[in-house]
């Protein structure tokens, strides 16, 4: 019996890694590009870091909605794969491809013409405003790609064929790094455009990457969940609406998380012009670990959705166990790095020795926090895989309200400054991880019955 269990766990881990590793590598490459982007900007002008944080936080809040809305289609397609229902696969995938571009177009025009009021609400200072406006205008065209990009990612993921995402990541990141170097600093005869150059370089790289992944979608023979042209043309908005209703909970969950982050930036802006920049540096390091755990979470949702479709409780539980074990190992590594080489990591982003000395403790705090964050990511994706996308929205709404209140208390009442922000994050993740685990165990008991 023990041998069988070990064999099954190894099988689940293998399937998880087949899906997750390419996503992981693609995301890591993308985050490495963003890190280098921040390094370039930090060395060009310290204020660029705060401007970038103030720009990317609200823009990603809306962009993540576009990526998350397709989670419903991903769950339904994977459940159909598990149940062996090819008609449903074609129906959901076709509707997703056809209708998932409506919201991104609206957001493109919003950020192109109405970004300044958003930055004013966030409390962006006059010193940073011009940089924020420059970045948002030249980055806005990326929104036009998010609908198609999210849909193609779902097709690759539900087909268990995510290898092309690695090449996609290499193309985007490689081009972005080169273009950023040229346009931020003004190399090879080009003018030095600063933060505007970073936005232009990112936009060009995103469009070329999208061309590549679109070619893969049309020519690959390894995409069993890819819909035919007839299925796309004949698809109904009602089908997309049904999957979007399931996905909108995840989209709103992401929106709630990002909304909380927006308030955190707003609080940081009241501390100093550099506070948001310091937070951005620490967040950039944390994201490297989170994209690894997030990729495992993507695989978790796909495989637990399949397990739900074929009513396989052993797979449902086994996948989550393997996924969290892997994620906990990542958290341990983060803690070790936070203790061993914090100054070396921070010196990549800034030459200011005062910032480096005062921020070292934050790397250790985010490493500790990763244990609870990983639980929320893995358990949360298991809950979504069961078809319940509402629960994580409710706990995130609770978390958004609580983290804002706790952060305000730590910063304004306890006078803890930036440290108060990180302590609030730790408390929020820990409480929600306990609540989510209790609900996950309840789902397991229901499936078992």
Protein backbone atom coordinates (compact mmCIF):
# COMPACT_ATOMS: atom_id res chain seq x y z
CA UNK A 1 0.00 0.00 0.00
CA UNK A 2 2.85 2.39 0.92
CA UNK A 3 4.66 1.51 -2.32
CA UNK A 4 1.50 2.25 -4.32
CA UNK A 5 1.10 5.59 -2.57
CA UNK A 6 4.71 6.53 -3.25
CA UNK A 7 4.33 5.53 -6.90
CA UNK A 8 1.20 7.64 -7.25
CA UNK A 9 2.85 10.65 -5.62
CA UNK A 10 5.82 10.34 -7.97
CA UNK A 11 3.40 10.14 -10.90
CA UNK A 12 1.52 13.24 -9.74
CA UNK A 13 4.78 15.12 -9.21
CA UNK A 14 5.94 14.15 -12.70
CA UNK A 15 2.69 15.37 -14.27
CA UNK A 16 2.83 18.55 -12.22
CA UNK A 17 6.36 19.29 -13.37
CA UNK A 18 5.55 18.55 -17.02
CA UNK A 19 2.96 21.30 -16.92
CA UNK A 20 4.63 23.63 -14.44
CA UNK A 21 8.33 23.65 -15.38
CA UNK A 22 7.89 25.34 -18.79
CA UNK A 23 5.50 27.88 -17.23
CA UNK A 24 7.98 28.32 -14.40
CA UNK A 25 10.92 28.89 -16.73
CA UNK A 26 8.93 31.28 -18.90
CA UNK A 27 7.81 33.27 -15.87
CA UNK A 28 11.29 33.26 -14.33
CA UNK A 29 12.76 34.51 -17.57
CA UNK A 30 10.11 37.22 -17.63
CA UNK A 31 10.81 38.17 -14.02
CA UNK A 32 14.55 38.17 -14.67
CA UNK A 33 13.88 40.61 -17.49
CA UNK A 34 11.80 42.77 -15.14
CA UNK A 35 14.56 42.63 -12.52
CA UNK A 36 17.13 43.78 -15.05
CA UNK A 37 14.66 46.45 -16.13
CA UNK A 38 14.49 47.69 -12.53
CA UNK A 39 18.27 47.50 -12.18
CA UNK A 40 18.67 49.68 -15.30
CA UNK A 41 16.06 52.17 -14.07
CA UNK A 42 17.47 52.23 -10.53
CA UNK A 43 20.93 53.08 -11.82
CA UNK A 44 19.56 55.70 -14.22
CA UNK A 45 17.48 57.54 -11.60
CA UNK A 46 16.37 56.47 -8.09
CA UNK A 47 12.96 58.10 -8.62
CA UNK A 48 12.27 55.76 -11.56
CA UNK A 49 11.84 52.86 -9.10
CA UNK A 50 9.03 54.61 -7.23
CA UNK A 51 7.45 55.76 -10.49
CA UNK A 52 7.55 52.22 -11.86
CA UNK A 53 5.91 50.84 -8.72
CA UNK A 54 3.17 53.47 -8.88
CA UNK A 55 2.57 52.65 -12.57
CA UNK A 56 2.73 48.89 -12.65
CA UNK A 57 0.61 48.30 -9.54
CA UNK A 58 -2.65 49.85 -10.85
CA UNK A 59 -2.02 48.77 -14.45
CA UNK A 60 -1.42 45.17 -13.38
CA UNK A 61 -4.54 45.35 -11.22
CA UNK A 62 -6.62 45.77 -14.38
CA UNK A 63 -4.45 43.56 -16.58
CA UNK A 64 -4.66 40.61 -14.19
CA UNK A 65 -8.44 40.73 -14.56
CA UNK A 66 -8.01 39.90 -18.27
CA UNK A 67 -5.74 36.94 -17.52
CA UNK A 68 -7.87 35.65 -14.65
CA UNK A 69 -11.24 35.76 -16.39
CA UNK A 70 -10.18 32.75 -18.51
CA UNK A 71 -9.65 30.61 -15.39
CA UNK A 72 -13.28 29.53 -15.68
CA UNK A 73 -12.72 28.27 -19.22
CA UNK A 74 -9.51 26.54 -18.10
CA UNK A 75 -11.35 24.69 -15.31
CA UNK A 76 -14.25 23.66 -17.56
CA UNK A 77 -11.95 22.53 -20.38
CA UNK A 78 -9.80 20.47 -17.97
CA UNK A 79 -12.88 18.92 -16.37
CA UNK A 80 -14.10 18.03 -19.88
CA UNK A 81 -10.71 16.45 -20.59
CA UNK A 82 -11.06 14.36 -17.43
CA UNK A 83 -14.60 13.34 -18.41
CA UNK A 84 -13.60 12.69 -22.04
CA UNK A 85 -16.17 15.15 -23.43
CA UNK A 86 -14.68 16.48 -26.69
CA UNK A 87 -17.75 18.52 -27.64
CA UNK A 88 -17.52 20.59 -24.46
CA UNK A 89 -13.80 21.14 -25.02
CA UNK A 90 -14.46 22.61 -28.48
CA UNK A 91 -17.36 24.70 -27.24
CA UNK A 92 -15.60 26.33 -24.29
CA UNK A 93 -12.27 26.81 -26.07
CA UNK A 94 -13.89 28.30 -29.17
CA UNK A 95 -15.93 30.82 -27.20
CA UNK A 96 -12.87 31.82 -25.17
CA UNK A 97 -10.79 32.52 -28.29
CA UNK A 98 -13.61 34.52 -29.90
CA UNK A 99 -14.83 36.73 -27.05
CA UNK A 100 -11.92 37.19 -24.68
CA UNK A 101 -10.70 40.42 -26.33
CA UNK A 102 -13.58 42.72 -25.37
CA UNK A 103 -12.37 43.85 -21.94
CA UNK A 104 -8.69 44.34 -22.96
CA UNK A 105 -9.67 46.80 -25.71
CA UNK A 106 -11.66 48.87 -23.22
CA UNK A 107 -8.75 48.90 -20.78
CA UNK A 108 -6.32 49.98 -23.51
CA UNK A 109 -8.31 53.17 -24.13
CA UNK A 110 -8.75 53.75 -20.41
CA UNK A 111 -5.02 53.73 -19.65
CA UNK A 112 -4.20 55.67 -22.80
CA UNK A 113 -6.43 58.61 -21.90
CA UNK A 114 -7.35 58.41 -18.18
CA UNK A 115 -4.21 57.35 -16.31
CA UNK A 116 -3.53 60.72 -14.62
CA UNK A 117 -6.65 60.70 -12.38
CA UNK A 118 -5.67 57.21 -11.16
CA UNK A 119 -2.19 58.36 -10.19
CA UNK A 120 -3.62 61.41 -8.42
CA UNK A 121 -5.92 59.20 -6.35
CA UNK A 122 -2.88 57.11 -5.41
CA UNK A 123 -1.16 60.20 -4.07
CA UNK A 124 1.65 60.28 -6.64
CA UNK A 125 3.80 63.36 -6.03
CA UNK A 126 4.56 66.01 -8.65
CA UNK A 127 8.14 64.72 -8.78
CA UNK A 128 6.91 61.31 -9.97
CA UNK A 129 3.80 62.21 -11.99
CA UNK A 130 5.52 62.98 -15.30
CA UNK A 131 7.42 59.68 -15.17
CA UNK A 132 4.22 57.74 -14.41
CA UNK A 133 2.36 59.35 -17.31
CA UNK A 134 5.20 58.66 -19.74
CA UNK A 135 5.33 54.99 -18.78
CA UNK A 136 1.56 54.37 -18.84
CA UNK A 137 1.02 55.90 -22.31
CA UNK A 138 3.71 53.82 -23.99
CA UNK A 139 2.85 50.62 -22.08
CA UNK A 140 -0.93 50.81 -22.74
CA UNK A 141 -0.78 48.95 -26.13
CA UNK A 142 0.22 45.79 -24.25
CA UNK A 143 -3.39 45.53 -23.03
CA UNK A 144 -4.50 44.73 -26.59
CA UNK A 145 -2.56 41.44 -26.35
CA UNK A 146 -3.85 40.21 -23.01
CA UNK A 147 -7.10 38.67 -24.25
CA UNK A 148 -5.45 36.57 -26.94
CA UNK A 149 -2.42 35.80 -24.76
CA UNK A 150 -4.56 34.55 -21.88
CA UNK A 151 -6.59 32.33 -24.21
CA UNK A 152 -3.53 30.77 -25.86
CA UNK A 153 -1.99 30.06 -22.45
CA UNK A 154 -5.15 28.16 -21.45
CA UNK A 155 -5.00 26.03 -24.62
CA UNK A 156 -1.35 25.14 -23.99
CA UNK A 157 -1.91 24.43 -20.30
CA UNK A 158 -5.02 22.27 -20.71
CA UNK A 159 -3.24 20.37 -23.49
CA UNK A 160 -0.40 19.61 -21.03
CA UNK A 161 1.95 21.12 -23.62
CA UNK A 162 3.57 24.20 -22.10
CA UNK A 163 7.09 23.77 -23.53
CA UNK A 164 6.64 26.59 -26.13
CA UNK A 165 6.17 29.04 -23.26
CA UNK A 166 9.90 28.73 -22.50
CA UNK A 167 10.85 29.94 -25.99
CA UNK A 168 8.16 32.58 -25.72
CA UNK A 169 9.72 33.82 -22.49
CA UNK A 170 13.25 33.82 -23.95
CA UNK A 171 12.16 35.86 -26.97
CA UNK A 172 10.25 38.44 -24.93
CA UNK A 173 12.87 38.78 -22.20
CA UNK A 174 15.88 38.82 -24.52
CA UNK A 175 14.42 41.52 -26.73
CA UNK A 176 13.25 43.51 -23.73
CA UNK A 177 16.64 43.54 -22.04
CA UNK A 178 18.41 44.65 -25.22
CA UNK A 179 15.82 47.32 -26.02
CA UNK A 180 15.77 48.58 -22.43
CA UNK A 181 19.55 48.95 -22.40
CA UNK A 182 19.46 50.86 -25.68
CA UNK A 183 16.47 53.08 -24.94
CA UNK A 184 16.89 53.81 -21.21
CA UNK A 185 20.54 54.86 -21.45
CA UNK A 186 20.66 55.97 -25.10
CA UNK A 187 23.10 53.48 -26.62
CA UNK A 188 24.07 52.88 -30.27
CA UNK A 189 23.00 56.32 -31.41
CA UNK A 190 19.54 56.25 -29.80
CA UNK A 191 18.43 59.04 -27.42
CA UNK A 192 18.34 58.33 -23.66
CA UNK A 193 14.60 58.01 -22.95
CA UNK A 194 14.71 56.87 -19.32
CA UNK A 195 11.49 55.32 -18.03
CA UNK A 196 9.75 56.06 -21.35
CA UNK A 197 12.36 53.87 -23.06
CA UNK A 198 11.61 51.02 -20.62
CA UNK A 199 7.92 51.14 -21.57
CA UNK A 200 8.64 51.25 -25.32
CA UNK A 201 11.08 48.33 -25.09
CA UNK A 202 8.61 46.21 -23.13
CA UNK A 203 5.77 46.91 -25.56
CA UNK A 204 7.82 46.00 -28.64
CA UNK A 205 9.05 42.78 -27.00
CA UNK A 206 5.50 41.77 -25.97
CA UNK A 207 4.20 42.14 -29.53
CA UNK A 208 7.00 40.08 -31.05
CA UNK A 209 6.50 37.40 -28.38
CA UNK A 210 2.77 37.31 -29.15
CA UNK A 211 3.51 36.71 -32.84
CA UNK A 212 5.64 33.69 -31.90
CA UNK A 213 3.09 32.07 -29.57
CA UNK A 214 0.33 32.64 -32.15
CA UNK A 215 2.37 30.73 -34.75
CA UNK A 216 2.76 27.86 -32.27
CA UNK A 217 -1.00 27.83 -31.72
CA UNK A 218 -1.75 27.49 -35.43
CA UNK A 219 0.94 24.97 -36.46
CA UNK A 220 1.47 22.70 -33.42
CA UNK A 221 0.06 19.17 -33.54
CA UNK A 222 0.24 18.73 -29.75
CA UNK A 223 -2.78 20.81 -28.73
CA UNK A 224 -5.79 18.49 -28.28
CA UNK A 225 -7.83 21.27 -26.63
CA UNK A 226 -7.31 23.70 -29.53
CA UNK A 227 -10.69 24.47 -31.14
CA UNK A 228 -11.24 24.25 -34.87
CA UNK A 229 -12.03 27.34 -36.92
CA UNK A 230 -15.66 26.26 -37.26
CA UNK A 231 -15.97 25.92 -33.50
CA UNK A 232 -14.60 29.43 -33.00
CA UNK A 233 -16.91 30.96 -35.63
CA UNK A 234 -19.99 29.09 -34.36
CA UNK A 235 -19.31 29.71 -30.68
CA UNK A 236 -21.91 31.65 -28.72
CA UNK A 237 -21.41 34.49 -26.30
CA UNK A 238 -23.62 32.63 -23.82
CA UNK A 239 -20.98 29.87 -23.64
CA UNK A 240 -18.24 32.39 -22.97
CA UNK A 241 -20.48 34.10 -20.43
CA UNK A 242 -21.01 30.81 -18.57
CA UNK A 243 -17.28 30.16 -18.31
CA UNK A 244 -16.62 33.82 -17.49
CA UNK A 245 -19.08 33.61 -14.59
CA UNK A 246 -16.86 30.90 -13.13
CA UNK A 247 -13.69 32.81 -13.96
CA UNK A 248 -14.91 36.19 -12.79
CA UNK A 249 -14.55 35.08 -9.19
CA UNK A 250 -10.83 34.51 -9.75
CA UNK A 251 -10.58 37.77 -11.71
CA UNK A 252 -12.26 39.66 -8.87
CA UNK A 253 -10.05 37.81 -6.38
CA UNK A 254 -6.96 39.05 -8.22
CA UNK A 255 -8.51 42.50 -8.43
CA UNK A 256 -9.12 42.48 -4.66
CA UNK A 257 -5.52 41.43 -4.01
CA UNK A 258 -4.19 44.14 -6.30
CA UNK A 259 -6.57 46.67 -4.77
CA UNK A 260 -5.04 45.90 -1.39
CA UNK A 261 -1.61 46.39 -2.95
CA UNK A 262 -2.74 49.75 -4.35
CA UNK A 263 -3.69 50.89 -0.86
CA UNK A 264 -0.32 49.67 0.41
CA UNK A 265 1.41 51.83 -2.22
CA UNK A 266 -0.85 54.72 -1.18
CA UNK A 267 0.27 54.28 2.44
CA UNK A 268 3.91 53.98 1.38
CA UNK A 269 3.64 57.25 -0.57
CA UNK A 270 2.75 59.01 2.71
CA UNK A 271 5.99 57.75 4.29
CA UNK A 272 8.42 59.07 1.64
CA UNK A 273 9.06 59.26 -2.10
CA UNK A 274 11.50 56.33 -1.80
CA UNK A 275 9.26 54.06 0.32
CA UNK A 276 7.38 52.70 -2.70
CA UNK A 277 10.72 52.15 -4.44
CA UNK A 278 12.05 50.06 -1.53
CA UNK A 279 8.82 48.05 -1.50
CA UNK A 280 9.19 47.55 -5.26
CA UNK A 281 12.72 46.19 -4.82
CA UNK A 282 11.68 43.67 -2.16
CA UNK A 283 8.58 42.74 -4.12
CA UNK A 284 10.74 42.12 -7.22
CA UNK A 285 12.83 39.57 -5.30
CA UNK A 286 9.76 37.90 -3.80
CA UNK A 287 8.10 37.59 -7.19
CA UNK A 288 10.95 35.34 -8.40
CA UNK A 289 9.89 32.79 -5.79
CA UNK A 290 6.17 33.40 -6.27
CA UNK A 291 6.31 32.70 -10.02
CA UNK A 292 7.83 29.29 -9.25
CA UNK A 293 5.09 28.51 -6.75
CA UNK A 294 2.49 30.05 -9.07
CA UNK A 295 3.55 27.78 -11.92
CA UNK A 296 3.12 24.77 -9.62
CA UNK A 297 -0.27 26.27 -8.72
CA UNK A 298 -1.24 26.37 -12.40
CA UNK A 299 -0.42 22.70 -12.73
CA UNK A 300 -2.33 22.01 -9.52
CA UNK A 301 -5.49 23.62 -10.88
CA UNK A 302 -5.26 21.73 -14.19
CA UNK A 303 -4.73 18.31 -12.58
CA UNK A 304 -7.28 18.78 -9.76
CA UNK A 305 -9.80 19.90 -12.40
CA UNK A 306 -9.11 16.70 -14.33
CA UNK A 307 -9.45 14.72 -11.09
CA UNK A 308 -12.79 16.39 -10.40
CA UNK A 309 -13.98 15.55 -13.92
CA UNK A 310 -13.19 11.85 -13.47
CA UNK A 311 -14.05 11.83 -9.73
CA UNK A 312 -10.58 10.73 -8.62
CA UNK A 313 -10.08 11.82 -4.98
CA UNK A 314 -6.62 10.22 -4.71
CA UNK A 315 -5.33 12.34 -7.57
CA UNK A 316 -7.07 15.43 -6.18
CA UNK A 317 -5.33 15.11 -2.79
CA UNK A 318 -2.04 13.69 -4.07
CA UNK A 319 -1.45 16.55 -6.51
CA UNK A 320 -1.92 19.14 -3.76
CA UNK A 321 0.43 17.30 -1.38
CA UNK A 322 3.18 17.15 -4.02
CA UNK A 323 2.64 20.76 -5.02
CA UNK A 324 2.96 22.13 -1.48
CA UNK A 325 6.02 20.00 -0.71
CA UNK A 326 7.77 21.53 -3.72
CA UNK A 327 6.63 25.05 -2.75
CA UNK A 328 7.81 24.67 0.85
CA UNK A 329 11.28 23.80 -0.45
CA UNK A 330 11.28 27.09 -2.40
CA UNK A 331 10.32 28.94 0.80
CA UNK A 332 13.21 27.34 2.70
CA UNK A 333 15.63 28.49 -0.01
CA UNK A 334 14.27 32.04 0.21
CA UNK A 335 14.83 32.12 3.98
CA UNK A 336 18.41 30.88 3.55
CA UNK A 337 19.17 33.56 0.93
CA UNK A 338 17.57 36.22 3.12
CA UNK A 339 19.90 35.29 5.97
CA UNK A 340 23.07 34.63 3.97
CA UNK A 341 23.34 37.29 1.24
CA UNK A 342 20.75 40.08 1.66
CA UNK A 343 23.20 42.92 0.95
CA UNK A 344 24.43 41.31 -2.27
CA UNK A 345 20.85 40.89 -3.52
CA UNK A 346 19.80 44.45 -2.69
CA UNK A 347 22.95 45.98 -4.18
CA UNK A 348 21.76 44.79 -7.59
CA UNK A 349 18.97 47.38 -7.45
CA UNK A 350 20.56 50.37 -5.76
CA UNK A 351 23.92 51.79 -4.78
CA UNK A 352 22.41 53.62 -1.78
CA UNK A 353 24.04 51.98 1.24
CA UNK A 354 21.39 53.37 3.58
CA UNK A 355 18.61 51.62 1.66
CA UNK A 356 20.63 48.39 1.48
CA UNK A 357 21.33 48.35 5.24
CA UNK A 358 17.77 49.17 6.30
CA UNK A 359 16.06 46.79 3.85
CA UNK A 360 17.98 43.54 4.53
CA UNK A 361 15.49 42.41 7.18
CA UNK A 362 12.63 42.63 4.67
CA UNK A 363 14.15 39.86 2.54
CA UNK A 364 14.02 37.53 5.54
CA UNK A 365 10.43 38.52 6.28
CA UNK A 366 9.23 37.73 2.75
CA UNK A 367 10.99 34.36 2.94
CA UNK A 368 9.09 33.50 6.13
CA UNK A 369 5.87 34.76 4.58
CA UNK A 370 6.32 32.47 1.57
CA UNK A 371 5.27 29.38 3.57
CA UNK A 372 1.77 30.79 4.13
CA UNK A 373 1.61 32.41 0.68
CA UNK A 374 2.48 29.05 -0.91
CA UNK A 375 -0.32 27.38 1.03
CA UNK A 376 -2.79 29.95 -0.28
CA UNK A 377 -1.58 29.48 -3.86
CA UNK A 378 -1.57 25.66 -3.86
CA UNK A 379 -4.65 25.05 -1.72
CA UNK A 380 -6.45 27.86 -3.51
CA UNK A 381 -5.85 26.26 -6.91
CA UNK A 382 -7.02 22.92 -5.55
CA UNK A 383 -10.24 24.57 -4.38
CA UNK A 384 -10.69 26.16 -7.82
CA UNK A 385 -10.04 22.80 -9.48
CA UNK A 386 -13.04 21.40 -7.61
CA UNK A 387 -15.16 24.00 -9.40
CA UNK A 388 -15.48 26.31 -6.40
CA UNK A 389 -14.02 29.67 -7.52
CA UNK A 390 -16.14 31.73 -5.14
CA UNK A 391 -14.45 30.73 -1.88
CA UNK A 392 -11.05 32.22 -2.71
CA UNK A 393 -12.76 35.47 -3.70
CA UNK A 394 -14.46 35.69 -0.30
CA UNK A 395 -11.26 35.05 1.65
CA UNK A 396 -9.34 37.52 -0.52
CA UNK A 397 -11.98 40.20 0.05
CA UNK A 398 -11.61 39.59 3.77
CA UNK A 399 -7.83 39.71 3.36
CA UNK A 400 -7.89 42.99 1.43
CA UNK A 401 -9.92 44.74 4.11
CA UNK A 402 -7.87 43.29 6.95
CA UNK A 403 -4.45 43.98 5.42
CA UNK A 404 -5.31 47.63 4.80
CA UNK A 405 -6.54 48.03 8.37
CA UNK A 406 -3.54 46.20 9.86
CA UNK A 407 -1.05 48.11 7.69
CA UNK A 408 -2.62 51.46 8.64
CA UNK A 409 -2.48 50.47 12.32
CA UNK A 410 1.18 49.42 12.16
CA UNK A 411 2.25 52.48 10.13
CA UNK A 412 0.16 55.30 11.63
CA UNK A 413 -0.47 54.10 15.19
CA UNK A 414 2.58 51.98 15.95
CA UNK A 415 4.86 54.19 13.77
CA UNK A 416 6.63 51.16 12.29
CA UNK A 417 7.06 52.69 8.82
CA UNK A 418 7.82 50.29 5.97
CA UNK A 419 8.30 47.44 8.47
CA UNK A 420 4.61 47.75 9.36
CA UNK A 421 3.67 47.03 5.74
CA UNK A 422 5.60 43.76 5.69
CA UNK A 423 4.26 42.66 9.07
CA UNK A 424 0.72 43.29 7.82
CA UNK A 425 1.40 41.10 4.79
CA UNK A 426 2.63 38.23 7.01
CA UNK A 427 -0.42 38.39 9.30
CA UNK A 428 -2.81 38.46 6.33
CA UNK A 429 -1.27 35.47 4.51
CA UNK A 430 -1.07 33.37 7.70
CA UNK A 431 -4.71 33.89 8.68
CA UNK A 432 -6.03 33.21 5.17
CA UNK A 433 -3.89 30.08 4.77
CA UNK A 434 -5.55 28.55 7.85
CA UNK A 435 -9.05 29.48 6.66
CA UNK A 436 -8.41 28.13 3.14
CA UNK A 437 -6.93 24.85 4.43
CA UNK A 438 -10.04 24.20 6.53
CA UNK A 439 -12.26 24.70 3.47
CA UNK A 440 -10.02 22.50 1.31
CA UNK A 441 -10.28 19.64 3.80
CA UNK A 442 -14.05 20.06 3.78
CA UNK A 443 -14.06 19.69 -0.03
CA UNK A 444 -11.96 16.53 0.26
CA UNK A 445 -14.46 15.03 2.71
CA UNK A 446 -17.31 15.92 0.35
CA UNK A 447 -15.56 14.30 -2.63
CA UNK A 448 -14.80 11.21 -0.54
CA UNK A 449 -18.45 10.88 0.47
